[in-house]
C-alpha atoms as a PDB file:
ATOM      1  CA  UNK A   1     -30.528   1.605  42.693  1.00  0.00           C
ATOM      2  CA  UNK A   2     -29.146   2.996  39.680  1.00  0.00           C
ATOM      3  CA  UNK A   3     -26.414   1.059  37.067  1.00  0.00           C
ATOM      4  CA  UNK A   4     -25.605   3.477  34.090  1.00  0.00           C
ATOM      5  CA  UNK A   5     -23.391   2.254  30.923  1.00  0.00           C
ATOM      6  CA  UNK A   6     -22.044   5.232  29.458  1.00  0.00           C
ATOM      7  CA  UNK A   7     -20.980   4.464  25.783  1.00  0.00           C
ATOM      8  CA  UNK A   8     -19.392   0.776  27.068  1.00  0.00           C
ATOM      9  CA  UNK A   9     -17.490  -1.341  25.031  1.00  0.00           C
ATOM     10  CA  UNK A  10     -15.220  -4.323  25.678  1.00  0.00           C
ATOM     11  CA  UNK A  11     -12.180  -5.608  23.276  1.00  0.00           C
ATOM     12  CA  UNK A  12     -10.077  -8.349  23.488  1.00  0.00           C
ATOM     13  CA  UNK A  13      -7.178  -7.636  21.332  1.00  0.00           C
ATOM     14  CA  UNK A  14      -8.569  -6.763  18.291  1.00  0.00           C
ATOM     15  CA  UNK A  15     -11.857  -8.791  18.591  1.00  0.00           C
ATOM     16  CA  UNK A  16     -14.926  -6.756  19.801  1.00  0.00           C
ATOM     17  CA  UNK A  17     -17.005  -8.095  21.868  1.00  0.00           C
ATOM     18  CA  UNK A  18     -19.738  -5.143  21.900  1.00  0.00           C
ATOM     19  CA  UNK A  19     -18.984  -1.515  21.708  1.00  0.00           C
ATOM     20  CA  UNK A  20     -21.539   1.835  22.162  1.00  0.00           C
ATOM     21  CA  UNK A  21     -23.897   0.432  24.921  1.00  0.00           C
ATOM     22  CA  UNK A  22     -25.927   3.294  26.422  1.00  0.00           C
ATOM     23  CA  UNK A  23     -28.215   1.723  28.972  1.00  0.00           C
ATOM     24  CA  UNK A  24     -29.649   1.798  32.377  1.00  0.00           C
ATOM     25  CA  UNK A  25     -30.989  -0.401  34.936  1.00  0.00           C
ATOM     26  CA  UNK A  26     -32.939   0.736  37.690  1.00  0.00           C
ATOM     27  CA  UNK A  27     -34.302  -0.886  40.328  1.00  0.00           C
ATOM     28  CA  UNK A  28     -36.642  -2.175  40.849  1.00  0.00           C
ATOM     29  CA  UNK A  29     -36.535  -3.835  38.033  1.00  0.00           C
ATOM     30  CA  UNK A  30     -35.610  -7.007  36.738  1.00  0.00           C
ATOM     31  CA  UNK A  31     -33.348  -7.334  33.569  1.00  0.00           C
ATOM     32  CA  UNK A  32     -31.834 -10.409  31.085  1.00  0.00           C
ATOM     33  CA  UNK A  33     -28.461 -10.261  29.120  1.00  0.00           C
ATOM     34  CA  UNK A  34     -29.237 -12.424  26.387  1.00  0.00           C
ATOM     35  CA  UNK A  35     -27.213 -13.350  23.828  1.00  0.00           C
ATOM     36  CA  UNK A  36     -25.377 -17.044  22.532  1.00  0.00           C
ATOM     37  CA  UNK A  37     -22.866 -18.201  23.930  1.00  0.00           C
ATOM     38  CA  UNK A  38     -19.364 -16.306  23.741  1.00  0.00           C
ATOM     39  CA  UNK A  39     -21.872 -13.580  22.778  1.00  0.00           C
ATOM     40  CA  UNK A  40     -20.048 -11.357  26.169  1.00  0.00           C
ATOM     41  CA  UNK A  41     -22.640 -11.797  28.207  1.00  0.00           C
ATOM     42  CA  UNK A  42     -20.435 -12.804  31.338  1.00  0.00           C
ATOM     43  CA  UNK A  43     -17.981 -10.548  30.040  1.00  0.00           C
ATOM     44  CA  UNK A  44     -21.048  -7.313  30.453  1.00  0.00           C
ATOM     45  CA  UNK A  45     -22.364  -8.745  33.806  1.00  0.00           C
ATOM     46  CA  UNK A  46     -18.599  -8.291  35.339  1.00  0.00           C
ATOM     47  CA  UNK A  47     -18.702  -4.865  33.871  1.00  0.00           C
ATOM     48  CA  UNK A  48     -21.993  -3.959  35.499  1.00  0.00           C
ATOM     49  CA  UNK A  49     -20.730  -5.531  38.688  1.00  0.00           C
ATOM     50  CA  UNK A  50     -17.516  -3.323  38.557  1.00  0.00           C
ATOM     51  CA  UNK A  51     -15.428  -6.457  38.944  1.00  0.00           C
ATOM     52  CA  UNK A  52     -14.005  -5.753  35.173  1.00  0.00           C
ATOM     53  CA  UNK A  53     -13.294  -2.504  33.103  1.00  0.00           C
ATOM     54  CA  UNK A  54     -14.933  -1.751  29.828  1.00  0.00           C
ATOM     55  CA  UNK A  55     -12.505  -0.942  27.167  1.00  0.00           C
ATOM     56  CA  UNK A  56     -14.275   2.440  26.344  1.00  0.00           C
ATOM     57  CA  UNK A  57     -16.905   3.989  28.204  1.00  0.00           C
ATOM     58  CA  UNK A  58     -17.641   4.100  31.686  1.00  0.00           C
ATOM     59  CA  UNK A  59     -20.275   3.274  34.315  1.00  0.00           C
ATOM     60  CA  UNK A  60     -21.815   4.559  37.242  1.00  0.00           C
ATOM     61  CA  UNK A  61     -23.586   3.850  40.377  1.00  0.00           C
ATOM     62  CA  UNK A  62     -26.350   5.820  41.982  1.00  0.00           C
ATOM     63  CA  UNK A  63     -28.039   5.169  45.167  1.00  0.00           C
ATOM     64  CA  UNK A  64     -31.879   5.765  45.959  1.00  0.00           C
ATOM     65  CA  UNK A  65     -32.089   9.545  45.917  1.00  0.00           C
ATOM     66  CA  UNK A  66     -29.571   9.851  43.216  1.00  0.00           C
ATOM     67  CA  UNK A  67     -26.329   9.974  45.375  1.00  0.00           C
ATOM     68  CA  UNK A  68     -23.043   8.796  43.571  1.00  0.00           C
ATOM     69  CA  UNK A  69     -21.476   5.867  45.025  1.00  0.00           C
ATOM     70  CA  UNK A  70     -18.310   5.688  45.380  1.00  0.00           C
ATOM     71  CA  UNK A  71     -16.285   2.872  43.268  1.00  0.00           C
ATOM     72  CA  UNK A  72     -14.833   1.258  46.143  1.00  0.00           C
ATOM     73  CA  UNK A  73     -18.324   1.128  47.812  1.00  0.00           C
ATOM     74  CA  UNK A  74     -19.978  -0.661  45.037  1.00  0.00           C
ATOM     75  CA  UNK A  75     -19.060  -3.971  45.856  1.00  0.00           C
ATOM     76  CA  UNK A  76     -21.291  -3.349  49.395  1.00  0.00           C
ATOM     77  CA  UNK A  77     -24.051  -3.124  46.997  1.00  0.00           C
ATOM     78  CA  UNK A  78     -24.012  -5.680  44.867  1.00  0.00           C
ATOM     79  CA  UNK A  79     -24.017  -9.947  44.987  1.00  0.00           C
ATOM     80  CA  UNK A  80     -23.080 -11.973  42.550  1.00  0.00           C
ATOM     81  CA  UNK A  81     -23.134 -15.301  41.254  1.00  0.00           C
ATOM     82  CA  UNK A  82     -21.489 -16.827  38.494  1.00  0.00           C
ATOM     83  CA  UNK A  83     -20.538 -21.040  37.587  1.00  0.00           C
ATOM     84  CA  UNK A  84     -16.939 -20.245  37.455  1.00  0.00           C
ATOM     85  CA  UNK A  85     -16.837 -17.970  40.928  1.00  0.00           C
ATOM     86  CA  UNK A  86     -14.687 -19.190  43.425  1.00  0.00           C
ATOM     87  CA  UNK A  87     -15.809 -20.282  46.880  1.00  0.00           C
ATOM     88  CA  UNK A  88     -13.375 -21.497  50.207  1.00  0.00           C
ATOM     89  CA  UNK A  89     -14.267 -25.011  49.443  1.00  0.00           C
ATOM     90  CA  UNK A  90     -12.141 -26.143  52.589  1.00  0.00           C
ATOM     91  CA  UNK A  91     -15.288 -24.551  54.501  1.00  0.00           C
ATOM     92  CA  UNK A  92     -18.080 -26.422  55.467  1.00  0.00           C
ATOM     93  CA  UNK A  93     -21.215 -24.894  54.401  1.00  0.00           C
ATOM     94  CA  UNK A  94     -22.077 -23.442  58.164  1.00  0.00           C
ATOM     95  CA  UNK A  95     -18.319 -21.512  58.236  1.00  0.00           C
ATOM     96  CA  UNK A  96     -18.590 -20.338  54.969  1.00  0.00           C
ATOM     97  CA  UNK A  97     -21.951 -18.618  55.181  1.00  0.00           C
ATOM     98  CA  UNK A  98     -20.410 -17.607  58.393  1.00  0.00           C
ATOM     99  CA  UNK A  99     -17.543 -15.983  57.172  1.00  0.00           C
ATOM    100  CA  UNK A 100     -19.749 -14.781  54.081  1.00  0.00           C
ATOM    101  CA  UNK A 101     -22.052 -13.222  56.014  1.00  0.00           C
ATOM    102  CA  UNK A 102     -19.535 -11.115  58.026  1.00  0.00           C
ATOM    103  CA  UNK A 103     -19.160  -9.302  55.072  1.00  0.00           C
ATOM    104  CA  UNK A 104     -22.647  -8.711  54.071  1.00  0.00           C
ATOM    105  CA  UNK A 105     -25.450  -9.195  55.938  1.00  0.00           C
ATOM    106  CA  UNK A 106     -28.007 -11.617  55.154  1.00  0.00           C
ATOM    107  CA  UNK A 107     -31.720 -10.677  54.125  1.00  0.00           C
ATOM    108  CA  UNK A 108     -33.672  -9.849  57.572  1.00  0.00           C
ATOM    109  CA  UNK A 109     -34.531 -12.564  59.721  1.00  0.00           C
ATOM    110  CA  UNK A 110     -32.162 -14.951  57.865  1.00  0.00           C
ATOM    111  CA  UNK A 111     -29.428 -16.902  60.114  1.00  0.00           C
ATOM    112  CA  UNK A 112     -26.911 -19.421  58.716  1.00  0.00           C
ATOM    113  CA  UNK A 113     -28.623 -21.889  60.413  1.00  0.00           C
ATOM    114  CA  UNK A 114     -32.075 -20.656  58.685  1.00  0.00           C
ATOM    115  CA  UNK A 115     -30.304 -20.654  55.249  1.00  0.00           C
ATOM    116  CA  UNK A 116     -28.978 -24.271  54.842  1.00  0.00           C
ATOM    117  CA  UNK A 117     -32.984 -25.301  56.523  1.00  0.00           C
ATOM    118  CA  UNK A 118     -33.975 -23.506  53.282  1.00  0.00           C
ATOM    119  CA  UNK A 119     -31.962 -25.126  50.813  1.00  0.00           C
ATOM    120  CA  UNK A 120     -32.752 -28.205  52.272  1.00  0.00           C
ATOM    121  CA  UNK A 121     -28.316 -29.077  52.791  1.00  0.00           C
ATOM    122  CA  UNK A 122     -29.034 -29.648  56.795  1.00  0.00           C
ATOM    123  CA  UNK A 123     -27.140 -33.110  56.428  1.00  0.00           C
ATOM    124  CA  UNK A 124     -24.233 -31.538  54.522  1.00  0.00           C
ATOM    125  CA  UNK A 125     -23.859 -28.691  56.645  1.00  0.00           C
ATOM    126  CA  UNK A 126     -20.644 -30.132  58.574  1.00  0.00           C
ATOM    127  CA  UNK A 127     -19.156 -31.504  55.112  1.00  0.00           C
ATOM    128  CA  UNK A 128     -15.999 -29.382  53.626  1.00  0.00           C
ATOM    129  CA  UNK A 129     -17.848 -28.181  50.322  1.00  0.00           C
ATOM    130  CA  UNK A 130     -15.080 -29.621  48.099  1.00  0.00           C
ATOM    131  CA  UNK A 131     -16.964 -32.903  48.454  1.00  0.00           C
ATOM    132  CA  UNK A 132     -20.079 -31.478  47.333  1.00  0.00           C
ATOM    133  CA  UNK A 133     -21.198 -32.201  43.542  1.00  0.00           C
ATOM    134  CA  UNK A 134     -21.408 -29.601  40.679  1.00  0.00           C
ATOM    135  CA  UNK A 135     -24.920 -29.179  41.746  1.00  0.00           C
ATOM    136  CA  UNK A 136     -24.941 -28.152  45.508  1.00  0.00           C
ATOM    137  CA  UNK A 137     -21.626 -26.240  45.110  1.00  0.00           C
ATOM    138  CA  UNK A 138     -23.668 -24.120  42.672  1.00  0.00           C
ATOM    139  CA  UNK A 139     -27.046 -23.741  45.350  1.00  0.00           C
ATOM    140  CA  UNK A 140     -23.978 -22.632  47.972  1.00  0.00           C
ATOM    141  CA  UNK A 141     -23.367 -19.556  45.300  1.00  0.00           C
ATOM    142  CA  UNK A 142     -26.947 -18.836  45.003  1.00  0.00           C
ATOM    143  CA  UNK A 143     -27.224 -18.660  48.775  1.00  0.00           C
ATOM    144  CA  UNK A 144     -24.597 -16.513  49.086  1.00  0.00           C
ATOM    145  CA  UNK A 145     -26.026 -13.713  46.565  1.00  0.00           C
ATOM    146  CA  UNK A 146     -29.634 -14.391  46.630  1.00  0.00           C
ATOM    147  CA  UNK A 147     -29.816 -14.062  50.218  1.00  0.00           C
ATOM    148  CA  UNK A 148     -27.300 -11.266  50.557  1.00  0.00           C
ATOM    149  CA  UNK A 149     -29.119  -7.786  52.003  1.00  0.00           C
ATOM    150  CA  UNK A 150     -27.832  -5.573  48.980  1.00  0.00           C
ATOM    151  CA  UNK A 151     -30.032  -4.163  46.265  1.00  0.00           C
ATOM    152  CA  UNK A 152     -28.326  -5.479  43.403  1.00  0.00           C
ATOM    153  CA  UNK A 153     -28.830  -8.783  42.815  1.00  0.00           C
ATOM    154  CA  UNK A 154     -26.355 -10.073  39.211  1.00  0.00           C
ATOM    155  CA  UNK A 155     -26.397 -13.782  38.491  1.00  0.00           C
ATOM    156  CA  UNK A 156     -24.752 -15.654  35.646  1.00  0.00           C
ATOM    157  CA  UNK A 157     -26.111 -18.716  34.390  1.00  0.00           C
ATOM    158  CA  UNK A 158     -27.916 -19.195  37.763  1.00  0.00           C
ATOM    159  CA  UNK A 159     -29.257 -22.684  36.879  1.00  0.00           C
ATOM    160  CA  UNK A 160     -25.589 -24.128  35.743  1.00  0.00           C
ATOM    161  CA  UNK A 161     -25.190 -27.644  37.116  1.00  0.00           C
ATOM    162  CA  UNK A 162     -28.565 -27.297  39.076  1.00  0.00           C
ATOM    163  CA  UNK A 163     -30.912 -31.101  37.956  1.00  0.00           C
ATOM    164  CA  UNK A 164     -34.793 -29.750  37.487  1.00  0.00           C
ATOM    165  CA  UNK A 165     -35.595 -29.992  41.401  1.00  0.00           C
ATOM    166  CA  UNK A 166     -33.069 -27.435  42.107  1.00  0.00           C
ATOM    167  CA  UNK A 167     -34.145 -25.547  38.946  1.00  0.00           C
ATOM    168  CA  UNK A 168     -37.169 -25.313  40.462  1.00  0.00           C
ATOM    169  CA  UNK A 169     -35.874 -24.103  44.363  1.00  0.00           C
ATOM    170  CA  UNK A 170     -33.756 -21.521  42.248  1.00  0.00           C
ATOM    171  CA  UNK A 171     -37.670 -20.192  40.534  1.00  0.00           C
ATOM    172  CA  UNK A 172     -39.137 -20.534  44.432  1.00  0.00           C
ATOM    173  CA  UNK A 173     -36.402 -18.426  45.865  1.00  0.00           C
ATOM    174  CA  UNK A 174     -36.225 -15.369  43.067  1.00  0.00           C
ATOM    175  CA  UNK A 175     -39.989 -15.132  43.356  1.00  0.00           C
ATOM    176  CA  UNK A 176     -40.209 -14.964  47.127  1.00  0.00           C
ATOM    177  CA  UNK A 177     -36.619 -12.799  47.673  1.00  0.00           C
ATOM    178  CA  UNK A 178     -35.656 -10.959  44.624  1.00  0.00           C
ATOM    179  CA  UNK A 179     -38.924  -8.707  44.795  1.00  0.00           C
ATOM    180  CA  UNK A 180     -37.987  -5.243  45.114  1.00  0.00           C
ATOM    181  CA  UNK A 181     -34.587  -5.464  44.145  1.00  0.00           C
ATOM    182  CA  UNK A 182     -32.688  -4.645  40.964  1.00  0.00           C
ATOM    183  CA  UNK A 183     -31.648  -8.381  39.183  1.00  0.00           C
ATOM    184  CA  UNK A 184     -29.641  -8.862  36.290  1.00  0.00           C
ATOM    185  CA  UNK A 185     -29.426 -12.215  34.889  1.00  0.00           C
ATOM    186  CA  UNK A 186     -26.981 -13.536  31.882  1.00  0.00           C
ATOM    187  CA  UNK A 187     -28.289 -16.302  30.267  1.00  0.00           C
ATOM    188  CA  UNK A 188     -30.009 -18.333  27.146  1.00  0.00           C
ATOM    189  CA  UNK A 189     -32.220 -20.103  29.384  1.00  0.00           C
ATOM    190  CA  UNK A 190     -35.527 -19.132  29.457  1.00  0.00           C
ATOM    191  CA  UNK A 191     -35.887 -21.113  32.954  1.00  0.00           C
ATOM    192  CA  UNK A 192     -33.401 -18.528  34.221  1.00  0.00           C
ATOM    193  CA  UNK A 193     -34.848 -15.166  33.161  1.00  0.00           C
ATOM    194  CA  UNK A 194     -38.303 -15.967  33.224  1.00  0.00           C
ATOM    195  CA  UNK A 195     -39.277 -13.153  35.688  1.00  0.00           C
ATOM    196  CA  UNK A 196     -37.347 -10.600  33.732  1.00  0.00           C
ATOM    197  CA  UNK A 197     -39.265  -7.857  32.177  1.00  0.00           C
ATOM    198  CA  UNK A 198     -36.922  -6.026  30.617  1.00  0.00           C
ATOM    199  CA  UNK A 199     -34.419  -8.023  27.912  1.00  0.00           C
ATOM    200  CA  UNK A 200     -30.754  -6.911  26.270  1.00  0.00           C
ATOM    201  CA  UNK A 201     -29.435  -8.695  23.215  1.00  0.00           C
ATOM    202  CA  UNK A 202     -25.657  -8.620  23.695  1.00  0.00           C
ATOM    203  CA  UNK A 203     -25.439  -8.668  19.720  1.00  0.00           C
ATOM    204  CA  UNK A 204     -27.460  -5.616  19.491  1.00  0.00           C
ATOM    205  CA  UNK A 205     -24.035  -3.947  19.950  1.00  0.00           C
ATOM    206  CA  UNK A 206     -21.530  -5.381  18.002  1.00  0.00           C
END
């Protein structure tokens, strides 16, 4: 898949976050969006995901082979994870994953039960997610993104709220399950984007 930014810029009232951004993200590939807190990394990632519109410029999406993807179908090709992302916390983990994967298929050979085992959350599988710690909730958000069978994986500060064991788990998952996909990580923590060969610094487009 290919995601192209054409003269993209974003303003909030009189404040310009970034402007004049021309860039092409191609699959397979791993890209890091870098910058200090408040630099616009998360905003840019949401624009790349088609979740937010730029103030100027446009974003185009092409499938393998060059066929343009209609904006209404973009979400089927993208998995997204961010610390502020809302999940249905009234569900148990089993219920939430079953619900999520009714919209997007899991990676081949992986069931809800298998994913719970991979995450090491068997003891909490029947508990409502609102009873989880912040680190456990972040793992749930990572599971629904990394293990969805989509060509594009977008991650905003993926290790937020994770302890060292959780960071190690994230790195293991990325090494095993991110190959061959288009991955974009918005971060200022090298532990989160260690595998990204391409790096874009948002402040360069002020």
